[in-house]
Amino acid sequence: MKKLILPFVLLSSYLLCSQQVGTAAPQMGAVENNPYANFHQRWTPSMQKLFQLVKDDDGKVTHFVGAEVGTPYENDTFEIGHVWYKNEDLGEFYYRYNIFSNEIELKKTHLTEEKHQALIRDPNVVLTASIGEKAYHYLSFTADKEDNKEGYLIKLYQGSEFKLFKHLESKYTEAKPAANSMVNPTPSKFTTFNSYFLQQNDGQIKEISLKRNKFLKQLDSPAAEKMKIYFKEEKTDLSEERQLISAIAHLDKANL
């Protein structure tokens, strides 16, 4: 695996304190109204809480690059979104979700010379996409047959009682040379895996099965009976994301 070692700059000691869950958001400073001003001149102290120092023991950031197949990103290009701290809008940013490193990369502009930073991992910090209704949350969740984990969950649906999240995981496979002249070499690649999680009210976030019979067993009896009828009428395929969202929306309304 090829490694690219990049130096990283510490933004401020103020930033490190903001990584703790529940830390109060500092007051927003005055921001210049001129949208064409140099963005560094318009940078306010409150924006610093968005970013964290990402480094290993030698003080350098390690990125893995050069996979021949696949990508470590949800999307390779930067998209526009808003960053929120609790109910405070910290502004519009360009973002890219690095699934492999479990980081959301942020830039204030789309200029290629601007280096990205990593969004702080804090349950109080949320990134909302400007296109669509996706929202990125850093939360604790329980995967199937595993202990509690922490990571980014993408909220796909929020109703009065249920929330549906999507979790992305990226696996890197190193290249393998051909064993002999009759066999092709195996290229290095990134492979992305999807899983889905359900939260009822403010309870634990748990992974759900995309097989209808197993999914029904994960619900309480009244909800399972209602969903059983819905599956029969709609012939729902839970592996199709839009149909899964529609099923959870129906479950939410049926539980009222």
Protein backbone atom coordinates (compact mmCIF):
# COMPACT_ATOMS: atom_id res chain seq x y z
CA MET A 1 0.00 0.00 0.00
CA LYS A 2 1.36 3.37 -0.97
CA LYS A 3 1.42 6.05 1.70
CA LEU A 4 1.40 9.78 1.27
CA ILE A 5 2.62 11.63 4.37
CA LEU A 6 1.34 15.18 4.69
CA PRO A 7 2.14 17.71 7.44
CA PHE A 8 -0.83 19.10 9.32
CA VAL A 9 -1.12 22.41 11.12
CA LEU A 10 -2.62 22.87 14.58
CA LEU A 11 -5.38 25.46 14.33
CA SER A 12 -5.58 26.46 18.02
CA SER A 13 -5.68 25.10 21.54
CA TYR A 14 -9.26 26.33 21.66
CA LEU A 15 -10.09 23.67 19.12
CA LEU A 16 -9.01 20.76 21.31
CA CYS A 17 -11.41 21.72 24.08
CA SER A 18 -14.31 21.73 21.62
CA GLN A 19 -13.86 18.02 20.90
CA GLN A 20 -15.51 17.11 24.19
CA VAL A 21 -19.18 16.17 24.00
CA GLY A 22 -21.46 18.80 25.44
CA THR A 23 -18.99 21.67 25.23
CA ALA A 24 -20.94 24.90 24.85
CA ALA A 25 -20.63 26.75 21.58
CA PRO A 26 -18.73 30.01 21.85
CA GLN A 27 -20.38 33.20 20.70
CA MET A 28 -20.25 33.96 17.01
CA GLY A 29 -18.01 36.86 16.14
CA ALA A 30 -18.84 39.51 13.61
CA VAL A 31 -18.42 38.34 10.04
CA GLU A 32 -17.66 40.65 7.15
CA ASN A 33 -20.67 41.12 4.89
CA ASN A 34 -18.60 41.28 1.72
CA PRO A 35 -18.87 37.77 0.18
CA TYR A 36 -15.92 38.46 -2.11
CA ALA A 37 -13.49 39.32 0.70
CA ASN A 38 -10.60 36.98 1.37
CA PHE A 39 -12.16 34.20 3.42
CA HIS A 40 -9.23 34.19 5.87
CA GLN A 41 -10.12 37.80 6.69
CA ARG A 42 -13.70 36.72 7.37
CA TRP A 43 -12.65 33.71 9.51
CA THR A 44 -14.10 33.97 13.02
CA PRO A 45 -12.99 32.23 16.25
CA SER A 46 -16.24 30.26 16.40
CA MET A 47 -15.42 28.56 13.12
CA GLN A 48 -12.30 27.04 14.65
CA LYS A 49 -14.39 24.64 16.71
CA LEU A 50 -15.32 22.88 13.45
CA PHE A 51 -11.89 21.43 12.94
CA GLN A 52 -9.70 19.03 14.82
CA LEU A 53 -6.03 18.19 14.65
CA VAL A 54 -5.65 14.90 12.79
CA LYS A 55 -2.27 13.34 13.41
CA ASP A 56 -0.59 10.16 14.49
CA ASP A 57 2.26 9.76 16.99
CA ASP A 58 4.89 11.22 14.67
CA GLY A 59 2.84 14.38 14.21
CA LYS A 60 1.96 13.77 10.59
CA VAL A 61 -1.22 12.81 8.81
CA THR A 62 -1.18 9.51 6.92
CA HIS A 63 -3.38 9.08 3.85
CA PHE A 64 -3.55 5.92 1.77
CA VAL A 65 -3.65 6.63 -1.94
CA GLY A 66 -3.19 4.88 -5.23
CA ALA A 67 -5.95 2.25 -5.23
CA GLU A 68 -6.53 1.09 -8.77
CA VAL A 69 -10.21 0.29 -8.26
CA GLY A 70 -12.84 2.12 -6.22
CA THR A 71 -12.60 5.16 -3.99
CA PRO A 72 -12.41 5.86 -0.24
CA TYR A 73 -14.95 8.68 -0.67
CA GLU A 74 -18.72 8.74 -0.76
CA ASN A 75 -18.27 11.16 -3.69
CA ASP A 76 -14.90 12.13 -5.09
CA THR A 77 -15.89 15.76 -5.61
CA PHE A 78 -16.59 18.35 -2.92
CA GLU A 79 -20.26 19.20 -2.43
CA ILE A 80 -21.95 22.14 -0.68
CA GLY A 81 -23.37 21.79 2.81
CA HIS A 82 -24.02 23.66 6.05
CA VAL A 83 -22.34 22.94 9.37
CA TRP A 84 -24.37 23.26 12.57
CA TYR A 85 -23.30 23.30 16.21
CA LYS A 86 -26.48 22.39 18.11
CA ASN A 87 -28.92 24.95 16.64
CA GLU A 88 -26.26 27.41 15.48
CA ASP A 89 -25.57 27.63 11.76
CA LEU A 90 -21.81 28.03 11.29
CA GLY A 91 -22.08 28.65 7.60
CA GLU A 92 -21.75 27.04 4.21
CA PHE A 93 -18.78 24.81 3.38
CA TYR A 94 -17.61 22.44 0.69
CA TYR A 95 -17.44 18.91 2.08
CA ARG A 96 -16.31 15.43 1.07
CA TYR A 97 -16.90 12.32 3.19
CA ASN A 98 -13.82 10.09 3.46
CA ILE A 99 -15.39 6.78 4.44
CA PHE A 100 -12.11 4.92 4.85
CA SER A 101 -10.66 7.37 7.38
CA ASN A 102 -14.06 8.13 8.94
CA GLU A 103 -13.60 11.87 8.33
CA ILE A 104 -15.56 14.67 6.72
CA GLU A 105 -13.18 16.94 4.83
CA LEU A 106 -14.13 20.64 4.72
CA LYS A 107 -13.09 23.61 2.62
CA LYS A 108 -14.42 27.15 2.72
CA THR A 109 -13.91 27.62 -1.02
CA HIS A 110 -13.75 25.36 -4.05
CA LEU A 111 -10.24 26.56 -4.91
CA THR A 112 -7.84 23.69 -5.56
CA GLU A 113 -5.04 25.45 -3.67
CA GLU A 114 -7.06 25.55 -0.46
CA LYS A 115 -6.19 22.63 1.80
CA HIS A 116 -9.08 20.80 3.41
CA GLN A 117 -9.54 20.35 7.16
CA ALA A 118 -11.29 17.59 9.11
CA LEU A 119 -14.65 18.28 10.72
CA ILE A 120 -14.58 17.75 14.47
CA ARG A 121 -16.16 14.48 15.60
CA ASP A 122 -18.81 15.59 18.04
CA PRO A 123 -22.49 14.54 18.37
CA ASN A 124 -23.40 18.23 18.66
CA VAL A 125 -21.89 18.99 15.24
CA VAL A 126 -24.03 18.15 12.21
CA LEU A 127 -23.38 18.58 8.50
CA THR A 128 -26.45 18.99 6.29
CA ALA A 129 -26.19 18.60 2.53
CA SER A 130 -27.50 21.52 0.47
CA ILE A 131 -28.80 19.11 -2.16
CA GLY A 132 -31.18 16.45 -0.87
CA GLU A 133 -32.06 15.88 2.77
CA LYS A 134 -28.96 14.06 4.01
CA ALA A 135 -27.49 14.97 7.40
CA TYR A 136 -24.20 13.62 8.76
CA HIS A 137 -24.09 12.87 12.51
CA TYR A 138 -21.22 11.48 14.57
CA LEU A 139 -23.00 9.05 16.92
CA SER A 140 -22.76 5.84 18.92
CA PHE A 141 -24.60 2.85 17.44
CA THR A 142 -24.89 -0.90 17.80
CA ALA A 143 -24.04 -2.99 14.77
CA ASP A 144 -25.33 -6.53 14.35
CA LYS A 145 -23.54 -8.92 16.76
CA GLU A 146 -21.06 -6.20 17.76
CA ASP A 147 -20.50 -3.91 20.72
CA ASN A 148 -21.21 -0.19 20.55
CA LYS A 149 -19.30 1.70 17.88
CA GLU A 150 -18.86 5.36 17.02
CA GLY A 151 -18.82 6.85 13.59
CA TYR A 152 -20.66 8.90 11.01
CA LEU A 153 -24.26 8.03 10.33
CA ILE A 154 -26.19 9.65 7.49
CA LYS A 155 -29.74 10.47 8.51
CA LEU A 156 -32.14 9.52 5.71
CA TYR A 157 -35.47 9.96 7.49
CA GLN A 158 -36.79 11.56 10.66
CA GLY A 159 -40.38 11.13 11.74
CA SER A 160 -42.26 11.72 14.96
CA GLU A 161 -40.99 8.47 16.50
CA PHE A 162 -38.43 6.83 14.21
CA LYS A 163 -35.16 7.92 12.60
CA LEU A 164 -33.43 5.98 9.84
CA PHE A 165 -29.65 6.18 9.37
CA LYS A 166 -27.22 4.84 6.81
CA HIS A 167 -23.69 3.78 7.68
CA LEU A 168 -20.91 3.49 5.10
CA GLU A 169 -17.78 1.44 5.61
CA SER A 170 -14.80 1.21 3.29
CA LYS A 171 -12.39 -1.72 3.08
CA TYR A 172 -9.00 -1.49 1.39
CA THR A 173 -7.57 -4.57 -0.30
CA GLU A 174 -3.93 -4.54 -1.31
CA ALA A 175 -2.83 -5.57 -4.76
CA LYS A 176 -1.58 -9.10 -5.29
CA PRO A 177 0.85 -10.11 -8.03
CA ALA A 178 -0.04 -12.88 -10.40
CA ALA A 179 0.90 -16.29 -9.02
CA ASN A 180 1.91 -17.42 -12.51
CA SER A 181 1.60 -16.41 -16.14
CA MET A 182 -1.85 -18.04 -16.38
CA VAL A 183 -3.39 -15.82 -13.68
CA ASN A 184 -4.02 -12.09 -13.75
CA PRO A 185 -2.75 -9.92 -10.89
CA THR A 186 -5.32 -8.59 -8.41
CA PRO A 187 -5.50 -4.77 -8.35
CA SER A 188 -5.64 -2.80 -5.13
CA LYS A 189 -9.14 -1.54 -4.43
CA PHE A 190 -11.54 0.18 -2.09
CA THR A 191 -14.89 -1.52 -1.51
CA THR A 192 -17.80 0.32 0.13
CA PHE A 193 -20.41 -1.48 2.25
CA ASN A 194 -23.81 -0.10 3.34
CA SER A 195 -25.77 -0.88 6.49
CA TYR A 196 -28.87 0.75 7.97
CA PHE A 197 -29.82 1.68 11.52
CA LEU A 198 -33.08 2.55 13.24
CA GLN A 199 -33.67 4.69 16.32
CA GLN A 200 -37.00 4.79 18.11
CA ASN A 201 -37.58 8.03 20.00
CA ASP A 202 -34.23 8.77 21.71
CA GLY A 203 -33.36 5.13 22.30
CA GLN A 204 -30.39 3.09 21.15
CA ILE A 205 -29.46 3.20 17.47
CA LYS A 206 -29.54 -0.40 16.25
CA GLU A 207 -28.75 -2.06 12.95
CA ILE A 208 -31.73 -3.44 11.05
CA SER A 209 -31.92 -6.38 8.69
CA LEU A 210 -32.85 -5.80 5.06
CA LYS A 211 -34.57 -9.20 4.95
CA ARG A 212 -38.25 -8.68 5.64
CA ASN A 213 -38.77 -11.62 7.99
CA LYS A 214 -35.75 -10.71 10.13
CA PHE A 215 -36.76 -7.05 10.09
CA LEU A 216 -40.22 -7.92 11.43
CA LYS A 217 -38.64 -9.86 14.31
CA GLN A 218 -36.75 -6.72 15.30
CA LEU A 219 -40.03 -4.85 15.87
CA ASP A 220 -42.51 -5.18 18.71
CA SER A 221 -45.63 -7.28 18.00
CA PRO A 222 -48.14 -4.51 17.11
CA ALA A 223 -45.69 -2.78 14.76
CA ALA A 224 -44.65 -6.10 13.19
CA GLU A 225 -48.26 -6.98 12.37
CA LYS A 226 -48.85 -3.63 10.68
CA MET A 227 -45.64 -3.88 8.68
CA LYS A 228 -46.40 -7.44 7.65
CA ILE A 229 -49.57 -6.20 5.96
CA TYR A 230 -47.67 -3.30 4.38
CA PHE A 231 -44.99 -5.60 2.96
CA LYS A 232 -47.63 -7.87 1.45
CA GLU A 233 -49.47 -4.99 -0.19
CA GLU A 234 -46.43 -3.08 -1.42
CA LYS A 235 -44.14 -6.04 -2.14
CA THR A 236 -41.35 -4.04 -0.51
CA ASP A 237 -37.70 -4.72 -1.24
CA LEU A 238 -35.84 -3.35 1.78
CA SER A 239 -32.51 -3.53 -0.05
CA GLU A 240 -33.78 -0.67 -2.25
CA GLU A 241 -33.06 2.48 -0.24
CA ARG A 242 -36.12 4.44 -1.40
CA GLN A 243 -38.41 1.54 -0.54
CA LEU A 244 -36.72 1.19 2.85
CA ILE A 245 -37.32 4.88 3.59
CA SER A 246 -40.96 4.54 2.54
CA ALA A 247 -41.36 1.51 4.83
CA ILE A 248 -39.93 3.36 7.84
CA ALA A 249 -42.17 6.37 7.07
CA HIS A 250 -45.16 4.00 7.06
CA LEU A 251 -44.00 2.42 10.32
CA ASP A 252 -43.71 5.88 11.86
CA LYS A 253 -47.24 6.85 10.86
CA ALA A 254 -48.69 3.45 11.80
CA ASN A 255 -47.26 3.78 15.30
CA LEU A 256 -49.05 7.07 16.01
